[in-house]
C-alpha atoms as a PDB file:
ATOM      1  CA  UNK A   1       0.047   0.076  -0.003  1.00  0.00           C
ATOM      2  CA  UNK A   2       2.907   2.381   0.733  1.00  0.00           C
ATOM      3  CA  UNK A   3       4.102   1.837  -2.702  1.00  0.00           C
ATOM      4  CA  UNK A   4       0.885   3.114  -4.253  1.00  0.00           C
ATOM      5  CA  UNK A   5       0.943   6.190  -1.949  1.00  0.00           C
ATOM      6  CA  UNK A   6       4.472   6.913  -3.166  1.00  0.00           C
ATOM      7  CA  UNK A   7       3.342   6.753  -6.757  1.00  0.00           C
ATOM      8  CA  UNK A   8       0.278   8.854  -6.010  1.00  0.00           C
ATOM      9  CA  UNK A   9       2.556  11.517  -4.447  1.00  0.00           C
ATOM     10  CA  UNK A  10       4.889  11.450  -7.411  1.00  0.00           C
ATOM     11  CA  UNK A  11       2.095  12.001  -9.808  1.00  0.00           C
ATOM     12  CA  UNK A  12       0.635  14.761  -7.731  1.00  0.00           C
ATOM     13  CA  UNK A  13       4.058  16.493  -7.724  1.00  0.00           C
ATOM     14  CA  UNK A  14       4.118  16.108 -11.474  1.00  0.00           C
ATOM     15  CA  UNK A  15       0.734  17.693 -11.775  1.00  0.00           C
ATOM     16  CA  UNK A  16       1.717  20.610  -9.549  1.00  0.00           C
ATOM     17  CA  UNK A  17       4.911  21.139 -11.525  1.00  0.00           C
ATOM     18  CA  UNK A  18       2.949  21.103 -14.676  1.00  0.00           C
ATOM     19  CA  UNK A  19       0.644  23.819 -13.325  1.00  0.00           C
ATOM     20  CA  UNK A  20       3.520  26.019 -12.284  1.00  0.00           C
ATOM     21  CA  UNK A  21       5.107  25.529 -15.727  1.00  0.00           C
ATOM     22  CA  UNK A  22       1.827  26.576 -17.497  1.00  0.00           C
ATOM     23  CA  UNK A  23       1.458  29.634 -15.241  1.00  0.00           C
ATOM     24  CA  UNK A  24       5.041  30.605 -16.027  1.00  0.00           C
ATOM     25  CA  UNK A  25       4.439  30.158 -19.789  1.00  0.00           C
ATOM     26  CA  UNK A  26       1.392  32.387 -19.603  1.00  0.00           C
ATOM     27  CA  UNK A  27       3.377  35.144 -17.826  1.00  0.00           C
ATOM     28  CA  UNK A  28       6.157  34.787 -20.458  1.00  0.00           C
ATOM     29  CA  UNK A  29       3.554  35.000 -23.305  1.00  0.00           C
ATOM     30  CA  UNK A  30       2.022  38.224 -21.732  1.00  0.00           C
ATOM     31  CA  UNK A  31       5.428  39.704 -21.440  1.00  0.00           C
ATOM     32  CA  UNK A  32       6.272  38.923 -25.077  1.00  0.00           C
ATOM     33  CA  UNK A  33       2.991  40.375 -26.259  1.00  0.00           C
ATOM     34  CA  UNK A  34       3.634  43.546 -24.252  1.00  0.00           C
ATOM     35  CA  UNK A  35       7.080  43.909 -25.647  1.00  0.00           C
ATOM     36  CA  UNK A  36       5.847  43.372 -29.284  1.00  0.00           C
ATOM     37  CA  UNK A  37       3.212  45.950 -28.855  1.00  0.00           C
ATOM     38  CA  UNK A  38       5.782  48.413 -27.508  1.00  0.00           C
ATOM     39  CA  UNK A  39       8.064  47.564 -30.316  1.00  0.00           C
ATOM     40  CA  UNK A  40       5.263  48.214 -32.747  1.00  0.00           C
ATOM     41  CA  UNK A  41       4.589  51.630 -31.161  1.00  0.00           C
ATOM     42  CA  UNK A  42       8.279  52.511 -31.450  1.00  0.00           C
ATOM     43  CA  UNK A  43       8.357  51.427 -35.078  1.00  0.00           C
ATOM     44  CA  UNK A  44       5.393  53.597 -35.780  1.00  0.00           C
ATOM     45  CA  UNK A  45       7.073  56.636 -34.122  1.00  0.00           C
ATOM     46  CA  UNK A  46      10.294  55.958 -36.050  1.00  0.00           C
ATOM     47  CA  UNK A  47       8.244  55.755 -39.365  1.00  0.00           C
ATOM     48  CA  UNK A  48       6.750  59.125 -38.542  1.00  0.00           C
ATOM     49  CA  UNK A  49      10.094  60.586 -37.829  1.00  0.00           C
ATOM     50  CA  UNK A  50      11.567  59.201 -41.090  1.00  0.00           C
ATOM     51  CA  UNK A  51       8.683  60.669 -43.029  1.00  0.00           C
ATOM     52  CA  UNK A  52       9.105  64.134 -41.408  1.00  0.00           C
ATOM     53  CA  UNK A  53      12.881  63.954 -41.936  1.00  0.00           C
ATOM     54  CA  UNK A  54      12.391  63.137 -45.709  1.00  0.00           C
ATOM     55  CA  UNK A  55      10.405  66.301 -46.085  1.00  0.00           C
ATOM     56  CA  UNK A  56      13.277  68.350 -44.689  1.00  0.00           C
ATOM     57  CA  UNK A  57      15.949  66.673 -46.752  1.00  0.00           C
ATOM     58  CA  UNK A  58      18.773  64.221 -45.519  1.00  0.00           C
ATOM     59  CA  UNK A  59      19.324  64.070 -41.938  1.00  0.00           C
ATOM     60  CA  UNK A  60      22.706  63.750 -40.179  1.00  0.00           C
ATOM     61  CA  UNK A  61      23.745  60.945 -38.004  1.00  0.00           C
ATOM     62  CA  UNK A  62      23.971  61.974 -34.360  1.00  0.00           C
ATOM     63  CA  UNK A  63      27.070  59.718 -33.938  1.00  0.00           C
ATOM     64  CA  UNK A  64      29.135  60.558 -36.987  1.00  0.00           C
ATOM     65  CA  UNK A  65      27.746  63.849 -38.284  1.00  0.00           C
ATOM     66  CA  UNK A  66      27.239  62.296 -41.759  1.00  0.00           C
ATOM     67  CA  UNK A  67      24.038  62.295 -43.717  1.00  0.00           C
ATOM     68  CA  UNK A  68      21.729  59.401 -43.427  1.00  0.00           C
ATOM     69  CA  UNK A  69      20.292  57.889 -46.583  1.00  0.00           C
ATOM     70  CA  UNK A  70      16.534  57.762 -46.802  1.00  0.00           C
ATOM     71  CA  UNK A  71      15.132  54.816 -48.719  1.00  0.00           C
ATOM     72  CA  UNK A  72      11.653  54.853 -50.283  1.00  0.00           C
END
């Protein structure tokens, strides 16, 4: 009988571990979605800046002081 209790405990530990893993995966997924949405917002802002910069002519790189090329 003790052998069955040991197996039952092992199975219960596996179930609890699986539940913890699933919760962690859900948190990771939520974090990734948040980062992707923030990256999308940054990309939209950069696109706006690029379009504004192309109206004013070539921009200069802040690091090197050389004009940046604008591709269409």
